[in-house]
Amino acid sequence: MIEIKIEVNMILAGDIGGTKTLLGLFDAATVRPRAIATRSFATLEYADLPSMIAEFLRGTRTRPDAIDRASFGVAGPVIDEGATLTNVPWRVEGRGVASAFHLRHVFLLNDLEAMAWSVPVLRDAEVHVLQDGEALRGGNIALIAAGTGLGQALLHWVDGRFAPSPSEGGHADFAARNDREIALVRDLTTRYGRADVEHVISGRGLINIHRVAHAEPCRAVADLDAPDAPAVISQAALDRTCPGCVETLDMFVDAYGAEAGNVALRSVSTGGLFVGGGIAPKILPAITSGAFIRAFRAKPPLDAMLRSMPVKIILNAEAGLLGAAVFAAGR
């Protein structure tokens, strides 16, 4: 057991994802809250968020009355202090969490909105620069993040600081740009009734692309329904042990870069474009090969503007958790 000893009230923060959830206790004394204790949970091993929080507090021997406020990023749209998660059969109610643990303040944010709050406080070592560009002071920043699903968020410069806003752009329609993507859209439309961006750029997206990229049986993946199938596909592509998996990852990275460029255009992100989520750091050799940036820039007549934008990969795996704490610290 970890015993938490503090003299000031803490922040309880959470990053609730489709596969895993991070919970943490933070000291709110600084602009970048200091993590006191964090733990990762398999989301679907718990019936709901309160049961997970209860285990976390027991494991850290933390009394609820030591917590001043709580903030959670959730993978779904937040409406009237509640959210139904997109890829998890959970309903999260801020009022319910507050009541269960007698908390005075509980905030719910879209998970990418929460991650966006971390962007201004990220350190140089926590990002990998794909394109230097030149960030304009006061320019908007865009964020895109592929993991179990695909999230997007914007940071607008308002009254001398960045104010993140949520988006459900990951569920917008996927735009095919070439013959191989047209073939993919045909398959997705048959399978799902429509092709949205998350059907392509996500862990599930790797599986969907895999189905149309293999002219011959796959040498690497025996079961596409296995939980680790996206990771196996990616590794086979990076190791170049299966031509179909190589094609799959090539299509994925190309589509990811193109959608990142779309987000940058929609937000005019002259302050930069950040790529978060769990997938990009794991396939960094493919992301840094040049294909992502080429697809990002290929937006004539505004390709020159896109070339001027900084593009960075977030390496901090707890950026969403940190962002939820940053939000709460400012409240």
Protein backbone atom coordinates (compact mmCIF):
# COMPACT_ATOMS: atom_id res chain seq x y z
CA MET A 1 0.00 0.00 0.00
CA ILE A 2 1.08 3.58 -0.73
CA GLU A 3 0.20 6.00 2.05
CA ILE A 4 -0.32 9.59 0.96
CA LYS A 5 0.68 12.20 3.52
CA ILE A 6 -0.13 15.80 2.64
CA GLU A 7 -0.80 19.13 4.28
CA VAL A 8 -2.95 20.64 1.55
CA ASN A 9 -6.06 19.44 -0.27
CA MET A 10 -5.41 17.40 -3.38
CA ILE A 11 -6.80 17.12 -6.87
CA LEU A 12 -8.14 13.76 -8.03
CA ALA A 13 -7.70 13.51 -11.79
CA GLY A 14 -8.60 10.84 -14.32
CA ASP A 15 -8.12 10.00 -17.98
CA ILE A 16 -10.86 7.51 -18.88
CA GLY A 17 -10.16 5.70 -22.13
CA GLY A 18 -11.64 2.83 -24.07
CA THR A 19 -8.86 0.43 -23.07
CA LYS A 20 -7.27 1.84 -19.94
CA THR A 21 -8.00 4.49 -17.35
CA LEU A 22 -5.40 6.52 -15.44
CA LEU A 23 -6.23 7.96 -12.04
CA GLY A 24 -3.94 10.27 -10.10
CA LEU A 25 -3.63 12.47 -7.05
CA PHE A 26 -2.01 15.85 -7.62
CA ASP A 27 -0.76 18.78 -5.60
CA ALA A 28 -2.33 21.88 -7.14
CA ALA A 29 0.27 24.32 -5.83
CA THR A 30 1.91 24.96 -9.22
CA VAL A 31 0.89 25.83 -12.79
CA ARG A 32 1.83 22.25 -13.67
CA PRO A 33 0.34 20.18 -10.83
CA ARG A 34 2.77 17.73 -9.24
CA ALA A 35 1.75 14.08 -9.35
CA ILE A 36 1.66 12.46 -5.92
CA ALA A 37 0.40 9.02 -6.96
CA THR A 38 -0.92 7.56 -10.21
CA ARG A 39 -2.26 4.16 -11.22
CA SER A 40 -3.44 2.52 -14.44
CA PHE A 41 -6.63 0.42 -14.58
CA ALA A 42 -8.13 -1.79 -17.30
CA THR A 43 -11.35 0.13 -17.94
CA LEU A 44 -13.66 -2.79 -18.67
CA GLU A 45 -12.62 -4.66 -15.53
CA TYR A 46 -14.82 -2.24 -13.55
CA ALA A 47 -18.57 -1.73 -13.63
CA ASP A 48 -18.29 2.04 -13.37
CA LEU A 49 -16.02 4.94 -12.44
CA PRO A 50 -16.99 5.15 -8.73
CA SER A 51 -15.93 1.53 -8.12
CA MET A 52 -12.58 2.23 -9.76
CA ILE A 53 -12.08 5.42 -7.73
CA ALA A 54 -12.91 3.54 -4.54
CA GLU A 55 -10.19 0.97 -5.24
CA PHE A 56 -7.70 3.70 -6.09
CA LEU A 57 -8.38 5.56 -2.84
CA ARG A 58 -8.10 2.33 -0.84
CA GLY A 59 -4.81 1.50 -2.52
CA THR A 60 -3.34 4.91 -1.71
CA ARG A 61 -4.96 5.07 1.75
CA THR A 62 -6.49 8.39 0.82
CA ARG A 63 -9.56 9.76 2.58
CA PRO A 64 -12.10 11.44 0.28
CA ASP A 65 -12.10 14.49 2.57
CA ALA A 66 -8.43 15.05 1.63
CA ILE A 67 -9.55 15.78 -1.96
CA ASP A 68 -10.53 19.34 -2.75
CA ARG A 69 -11.78 18.76 -6.31
CA ALA A 70 -11.80 16.17 -9.08
CA SER A 71 -11.52 16.36 -12.85
CA PHE A 72 -11.94 13.57 -15.40
CA GLY A 73 -11.34 13.39 -19.13
CA VAL A 74 -13.82 10.97 -20.68
CA ALA A 75 -13.84 9.45 -24.17
CA GLY A 76 -17.15 10.87 -25.35
CA PRO A 77 -19.16 14.09 -25.57
CA VAL A 78 -19.91 15.73 -22.21
CA ILE A 79 -23.44 17.11 -21.99
CA ASP A 80 -25.02 18.53 -18.81
CA GLU A 81 -22.29 17.15 -16.51
CA GLY A 82 -22.64 13.62 -17.88
CA ALA A 83 -21.15 11.49 -20.64
CA THR A 84 -21.87 8.18 -22.30
CA LEU A 85 -18.50 6.84 -23.40
CA THR A 86 -18.21 6.12 -27.11
CA ASN A 87 -16.26 2.83 -26.97
CA VAL A 88 -17.08 1.69 -23.41
CA PRO A 89 -20.50 0.72 -21.98
CA TRP A 90 -20.23 3.31 -19.21
CA ARG A 91 -22.27 6.33 -18.25
CA VAL A 92 -20.30 8.84 -16.14
CA GLU A 93 -22.23 11.41 -14.11
CA GLY A 94 -20.28 14.18 -12.42
CA ARG A 95 -22.98 14.66 -9.79
CA GLY A 96 -22.96 10.95 -9.01
CA VAL A 97 -19.20 10.91 -8.44
CA ALA A 98 -19.46 14.00 -6.24
CA SER A 99 -22.21 12.39 -4.17
CA ALA A 100 -20.45 9.03 -3.82
CA PHE A 101 -17.27 10.57 -2.37
CA HIS A 102 -18.67 13.80 -0.86
CA LEU A 103 -16.58 15.95 -3.21
CA ARG A 104 -17.36 19.64 -3.50
CA HIS A 105 -16.35 20.02 -7.15
CA VAL A 106 -16.28 17.40 -9.93
CA PHE A 107 -15.53 18.41 -13.52
CA LEU A 108 -16.05 16.26 -16.63
CA LEU A 109 -14.19 17.04 -19.85
CA ASN A 110 -13.95 15.35 -23.20
CA ASP A 111 -10.73 13.32 -23.10
CA LEU A 112 -9.04 15.32 -25.86
CA GLU A 113 -10.13 18.58 -24.26
CA ALA A 114 -8.43 17.33 -21.09
CA MET A 115 -5.27 16.42 -22.99
CA ALA A 116 -5.31 19.85 -24.63
CA TRP A 117 -4.99 21.48 -21.20
CA SER A 118 -1.60 19.76 -20.86
CA VAL A 119 -0.19 21.14 -24.11
CA PRO A 120 0.93 24.56 -22.78
CA VAL A 121 2.81 22.93 -19.87
CA LEU A 122 4.53 20.09 -21.73
CA ARG A 123 8.32 20.08 -21.49
CA ASP A 124 10.66 19.81 -24.48
CA ALA A 125 11.60 16.24 -23.53
CA GLU A 126 7.93 15.23 -23.63
CA VAL A 127 7.49 15.91 -27.35
CA HIS A 128 9.15 14.78 -30.57
CA VAL A 129 9.37 17.49 -33.24
CA LEU A 130 8.25 16.34 -36.68
CA GLN A 131 8.29 19.78 -38.28
CA ASP A 132 9.96 22.81 -36.73
CA GLY A 133 7.76 25.47 -38.30
CA GLU A 134 7.33 28.78 -36.52
CA ALA A 135 4.57 29.11 -33.96
CA LEU A 136 2.79 32.46 -34.11
CA ARG A 137 2.10 34.02 -30.74
CA GLY A 138 -1.64 33.95 -30.16
CA GLY A 139 -2.15 31.42 -32.94
CA ASN A 140 -4.56 28.54 -32.47
CA ILE A 141 -3.22 25.06 -31.64
CA ALA A 142 -4.80 21.81 -32.87
CA LEU A 143 -4.62 18.38 -31.27
CA ILE A 144 -5.32 14.97 -32.80
CA ALA A 145 -4.88 11.65 -31.01
CA ALA A 146 -5.39 8.08 -32.19
CA GLY A 147 -5.69 5.21 -29.72
CA THR A 148 -8.68 2.98 -29.10
CA GLY A 149 -10.62 5.73 -30.87
CA LEU A 150 -9.72 9.03 -32.53
CA GLY A 151 -9.99 12.32 -30.68
CA GLN A 152 -9.55 15.92 -31.74
CA ALA A 153 -9.51 19.24 -29.89
CA LEU A 154 -8.65 22.88 -30.47
CA LEU A 155 -6.88 25.45 -28.30
CA HIS A 156 -7.95 29.05 -28.93
CA TRP A 157 -5.98 32.03 -27.65
CA VAL A 158 -8.42 33.96 -25.42
CA ASP A 159 -7.52 36.81 -23.05
CA GLY A 160 -3.83 35.94 -22.92
CA ARG A 161 -4.05 32.17 -22.50
CA PHE A 162 -5.07 29.04 -24.38
CA ALA A 163 -8.65 27.86 -23.90
CA PRO A 164 -9.23 24.30 -25.15
CA SER A 165 -12.50 23.31 -26.73
CA PRO A 166 -13.75 19.78 -27.45
CA SER A 167 -14.59 18.20 -30.78
CA GLU A 168 -16.13 14.98 -32.04
CA GLY A 169 -14.35 15.33 -35.38
CA GLY A 170 -13.15 11.74 -35.16
CA HIS A 171 -16.66 10.67 -36.10
CA ALA A 172 -16.86 12.95 -39.15
CA ASP A 173 -16.88 11.33 -42.59
CA PHE A 174 -13.60 9.90 -43.86
CA ALA A 175 -12.50 11.47 -47.16
CA ALA A 176 -10.76 9.08 -49.56
CA ARG A 177 -7.95 10.66 -51.60
CA ASN A 178 -6.77 7.83 -53.89
CA ASP A 179 -7.76 4.45 -55.30
CA ARG A 180 -6.61 2.38 -52.32
CA GLU A 181 -8.57 4.59 -49.92
CA ILE A 182 -11.63 4.41 -52.19
CA ALA A 183 -11.43 0.61 -51.92
CA LEU A 184 -11.21 0.99 -48.14
CA VAL A 185 -14.28 3.27 -48.05
CA ARG A 186 -16.27 0.73 -50.08
CA ASP A 187 -15.41 -1.98 -47.55
CA LEU A 188 -16.19 0.27 -44.56
CA THR A 189 -19.50 1.38 -46.04
CA THR A 190 -20.51 -2.24 -46.57
CA ARG A 191 -19.38 -3.19 -43.06
CA TYR A 192 -20.64 -0.18 -41.02
CA GLY A 193 -23.08 1.70 -43.26
CA ARG A 194 -20.70 4.67 -43.50
CA ALA A 195 -16.99 5.41 -43.24
CA ASP A 196 -15.98 7.75 -40.45
CA VAL A 197 -12.45 8.90 -39.69
CA GLU A 198 -12.18 6.72 -36.57
CA HIS A 199 -12.89 3.65 -38.71
CA VAL A 200 -9.50 4.32 -40.32
CA ILE A 201 -7.33 6.15 -37.77
CA SER A 202 -7.49 4.16 -34.53
CA GLY A 203 -6.60 0.72 -33.24
CA ARG A 204 -9.75 -0.61 -34.88
CA GLY A 205 -8.75 1.34 -38.00
CA LEU A 206 -5.57 -0.72 -38.33
CA ILE A 207 -7.73 -3.86 -38.37
CA ASN A 208 -10.11 -2.37 -40.94
CA ILE A 209 -7.24 -1.38 -43.22
CA HIS A 210 -5.63 -4.80 -42.71
CA ARG A 211 -8.70 -6.49 -44.20
CA VAL A 212 -8.37 -4.67 -47.53
CA ALA A 213 -4.57 -4.38 -47.72
CA HIS A 214 -3.83 -8.10 -47.79
CA ALA A 215 -3.93 -9.68 -51.24
CA GLU A 216 -2.50 -12.85 -49.64
CA PRO A 217 -3.01 -14.43 -46.19
CA CYS A 218 -1.31 -12.47 -43.41
CA ARG A 219 1.97 -13.91 -42.16
CA ALA A 220 1.73 -12.23 -38.77
CA VAL A 221 -1.85 -11.98 -37.47
CA ALA A 222 -3.79 -15.17 -36.79
CA ASP A 223 -6.83 -13.53 -35.16
CA LEU A 224 -7.98 -10.01 -36.02
CA ASP A 225 -10.38 -10.11 -33.07
CA ALA A 226 -7.55 -10.56 -30.55
CA PRO A 227 -7.03 -7.53 -28.28
CA ASP A 228 -3.38 -7.22 -29.37
CA ALA A 229 -4.10 -7.45 -33.11
CA PRO A 230 -3.36 -3.75 -33.84
CA ALA A 231 -0.02 -3.99 -32.01
CA VAL A 232 0.88 -7.20 -33.86
CA ILE A 233 0.03 -5.60 -37.20
CA SER A 234 2.15 -2.55 -36.41
CA GLN A 235 5.13 -4.60 -35.25
CA ALA A 236 4.99 -6.87 -38.29
CA ALA A 237 4.99 -3.75 -40.47
CA LEU A 238 7.92 -2.17 -38.63
CA ASP A 239 9.85 -5.46 -38.82
CA ARG A 240 8.78 -5.84 -42.48
CA THR A 241 7.84 -9.48 -41.95
CA CYS A 242 4.52 -9.22 -43.81
CA PRO A 243 4.01 -7.15 -47.00
CA GLY A 244 0.29 -6.74 -46.28
CA CYS A 245 1.02 -5.37 -42.80
CA VAL A 246 3.56 -2.98 -44.31
CA GLU A 247 0.86 -1.75 -46.69
CA THR A 248 -1.58 -1.48 -43.77
CA LEU A 249 0.72 0.73 -41.72
CA ASP A 250 1.64 2.82 -44.78
CA MET A 251 -2.05 3.53 -45.41
CA PHE A 252 -2.64 4.26 -41.73
CA VAL A 253 0.22 6.77 -41.43
CA ASP A 254 -0.75 8.46 -44.70
CA ALA A 255 -4.38 8.83 -43.59
CA TYR A 256 -3.27 10.04 -40.13
CA GLY A 257 -1.11 12.77 -41.63
CA ALA A 258 -3.87 13.83 -44.02
CA GLU A 259 -6.45 14.09 -41.22
CA ALA A 260 -3.96 16.01 -39.07
CA GLY A 261 -3.68 18.46 -41.96
CA ASN A 262 -7.47 18.70 -42.14
CA VAL A 263 -7.65 19.56 -38.44
CA ALA A 264 -4.90 22.15 -38.88
CA LEU A 265 -6.82 23.75 -41.75
CA ARG A 266 -10.14 23.79 -39.90
CA SER A 267 -8.58 25.52 -36.91
CA VAL A 268 -5.92 27.57 -38.76
CA SER A 269 -3.48 26.23 -36.17
CA THR A 270 -0.65 28.69 -36.68
CA GLY A 271 0.41 27.93 -33.09
CA GLY A 272 1.12 24.32 -34.01
CA LEU A 273 -0.37 20.84 -34.40
CA PHE A 274 0.16 18.23 -31.67
CA VAL A 275 -0.28 14.49 -32.13
CA GLY A 276 -1.27 12.63 -28.96
CA GLY A 277 -2.66 9.22 -28.16
CA GLY A 278 -1.08 5.85 -27.59
CA ILE A 279 -0.40 4.80 -31.18
CA ALA A 280 1.99 7.47 -32.51
CA PRO A 281 4.83 6.91 -29.97
CA LYS A 282 4.65 3.15 -30.59
CA ILE A 283 5.06 3.53 -34.36
CA LEU A 284 7.44 6.50 -34.25
CA PRO A 285 9.76 5.09 -36.98
CA ALA A 286 6.79 5.01 -39.38
CA ILE A 287 5.51 8.43 -38.30
CA THR A 288 8.96 9.98 -38.78
CA SER A 289 9.59 8.33 -42.17
CA GLY A 290 8.28 11.39 -44.02
CA ALA A 291 4.90 10.03 -45.15
CA PHE A 292 2.95 11.66 -42.30
CA ILE A 293 4.36 15.13 -42.98
CA ARG A 294 3.94 14.80 -46.75
CA ALA A 295 0.26 13.97 -46.29
CA PHE A 296 -0.09 16.75 -43.69
CA ARG A 297 1.29 19.35 -46.10
CA ALA A 298 -0.49 18.17 -49.27
CA LYS A 299 -3.30 20.74 -49.10
CA PRO A 300 -2.91 23.14 -52.01
CA PRO A 301 -3.48 26.05 -52.21
CA LEU A 302 -2.64 26.29 -48.47
CA ASP A 303 0.34 23.92 -48.38
CA ALA A 304 2.73 26.81 -47.64
CA MET A 305 0.76 27.67 -44.50
CA LEU A 306 0.90 24.05 -43.36
CA ARG A 307 4.67 23.94 -43.94
CA SER A 308 5.03 26.84 -41.51
CA MET A 309 3.18 25.13 -38.65
CA PRO A 310 5.12 23.30 -35.91
CA VAL A 311 4.11 19.63 -35.71
CA LYS A 312 4.95 17.67 -32.56
CA ILE A 313 4.30 14.15 -31.23
CA ILE A 314 3.37 14.00 -27.53
CA LEU A 315 5.56 11.37 -25.85
CA ASN A 316 4.15 11.80 -22.33
CA ALA A 317 1.78 8.83 -21.92
CA GLU A 318 0.00 10.63 -19.07
CA ALA A 319 -0.71 13.88 -20.92
CA GLY A 320 -4.48 13.41 -20.63
CA LEU A 321 -4.23 12.82 -16.89
CA LEU A 322 -1.95 15.83 -16.47
CA GLY A 323 -4.33 17.99 -18.49
CA ALA A 324 -7.30 17.03 -16.31
CA ALA A 325 -5.24 18.09 -13.28
CA VAL A 326 -4.22 21.36 -14.95
CA PHE A 327 -7.88 22.16 -15.61
CA ALA A 328 -8.88 21.46 -12.02
CA ALA A 329 -5.95 23.47 -10.63
CA GLY A 330 -7.24 26.54 -12.44
CA ARG A 331 -10.72 26.23 -10.94
